[in-house]
Amino acid sequence: MSDIQTRTMEKAFYLQTKAFLEKNSEHIDEIARLKAEVERLTKAGDELHIFLISYIVEGRISSSYLNELDDNWNAAKEGKPGA
């Protein structure tokens, strides 16, 4: 392939990529927002789990109940249905 052909193909790829990004920028922004939301919710769920551990120490909930919550929470974080 000649240098001119290579540069032409690179320029075409660049223009196609630029057009795609311009056309889909709102979707790309939405994807980034949703990823941040998932991270925020996961962090909140992990903090809630730590809080519930204190309830076991105080005798407010049983360790078997927390184990069930653990299983459901871990499944949810992996995108699987709970028990």
Protein backbone atom coordinates (compact mmCIF):
# COMPACT_ATOMS: atom_id res chain seq x y z
CA MET A 1 0.00 0.00 0.00
CA SER A 2 1.40 3.37 -0.91
CA ASP A 3 2.01 6.19 1.54
CA ILE A 4 -0.76 8.24 -0.11
CA GLN A 5 -3.25 5.38 0.27
CA THR A 6 -2.29 4.91 3.90
CA ARG A 7 -2.72 8.60 4.67
CA THR A 8 -6.05 8.67 2.81
CA MET A 9 -7.33 5.70 4.83
CA GLU A 10 -6.12 7.26 8.09
CA LYS A 11 -7.87 10.54 7.21
CA ALA A 12 -11.09 8.68 6.33
CA PHE A 13 -10.95 6.76 9.61
CA TYR A 14 -10.37 10.00 11.51
CA LEU A 15 -13.32 11.71 9.81
CA GLN A 16 -15.62 8.72 10.41
CA THR A 17 -14.61 8.55 14.07
CA LYS A 18 -15.09 12.28 14.52
CA ALA A 19 -18.55 12.14 12.91
CA PHE A 20 -19.53 9.17 15.08
CA LEU A 21 -18.44 10.91 18.28
CA GLU A 22 -20.24 14.12 17.35
CA LYS A 23 -23.42 12.22 16.50
CA ASN A 24 -23.32 10.09 19.65
CA SER A 25 -21.84 12.52 22.18
CA GLU A 26 -25.05 12.66 24.22
CA HIS A 27 -25.05 8.86 24.47
CA ILE A 28 -21.40 8.82 25.48
CA ASP A 29 -22.16 11.41 28.18
CA GLU A 30 -25.11 9.33 29.39
CA ILE A 31 -22.97 6.19 29.58
CA ALA A 32 -20.39 8.06 31.66
CA ARG A 33 -23.15 9.38 33.96
CA LEU A 34 -24.59 5.88 34.43
CA LYS A 35 -21.17 4.41 35.20
CA ALA A 36 -20.66 7.08 37.87
CA GLU A 37 -24.12 6.32 39.28
CA VAL A 38 -23.33 2.60 39.51
CA GLU A 39 -20.07 3.37 41.31
CA ARG A 40 -21.92 5.69 43.73
CA LEU A 41 -24.62 3.12 44.48
CA THR A 42 -22.09 0.33 44.95
CA LYS A 43 -20.17 2.46 47.42
CA ALA A 44 -23.38 3.25 49.32
CA GLY A 45 -24.32 -0.44 49.43
CA ASP A 46 -20.90 -1.38 50.74
CA GLU A 47 -21.17 1.28 53.45
CA LEU A 48 -24.63 0.01 54.40
CA HIS A 49 -23.20 -3.49 54.72
CA ILE A 50 -20.55 -2.23 57.14
CA PHE A 51 -23.29 -0.49 59.12
CA LEU A 52 -25.33 -3.69 59.35
CA ILE A 53 -22.36 -5.57 60.77
CA SER A 54 -22.65 -3.33 63.84
CA TYR A 55 -26.25 -4.54 64.22
CA ILE A 56 -24.96 -8.12 64.62
CA VAL A 57 -22.61 -6.97 67.37
CA GLU A 58 -25.53 -5.27 69.11
CA GLY A 59 -27.72 -8.35 68.64
CA ARG A 60 -30.30 -6.52 66.49
CA ILE A 61 -30.00 -8.90 63.53
CA SER A 62 -28.74 -12.44 63.22
CA SER A 63 -25.54 -13.34 61.44
CA SER A 64 -27.53 -15.73 59.21
CA TYR A 65 -29.69 -12.82 58.04
CA LEU A 66 -26.57 -10.78 57.27
CA ASN A 67 -25.14 -13.75 55.36
CA GLU A 68 -28.30 -13.80 53.23
CA LEU A 69 -27.95 -10.06 52.64
CA ASP A 70 -24.29 -10.61 51.73
CA ASP A 71 -25.22 -13.22 49.15
CA ASN A 72 -27.88 -10.98 47.62
CA TRP A 73 -25.63 -7.90 47.63
CA ASN A 74 -22.70 -9.72 46.05
CA ALA A 75 -24.99 -11.18 43.39
CA ALA A 76 -26.41 -7.73 42.67
CA LYS A 77 -22.93 -6.24 42.28
CA GLU A 78 -22.17 -8.96 39.72
CA GLY A 79 -25.45 -8.29 37.89
CA LYS A 80 -27.03 -11.56 38.96
CA PRO A 81 -30.46 -12.05 40.56
CA GLY A 82 -30.50 -12.50 44.32
CA ALA A 83 -31.50 -15.61 46.21
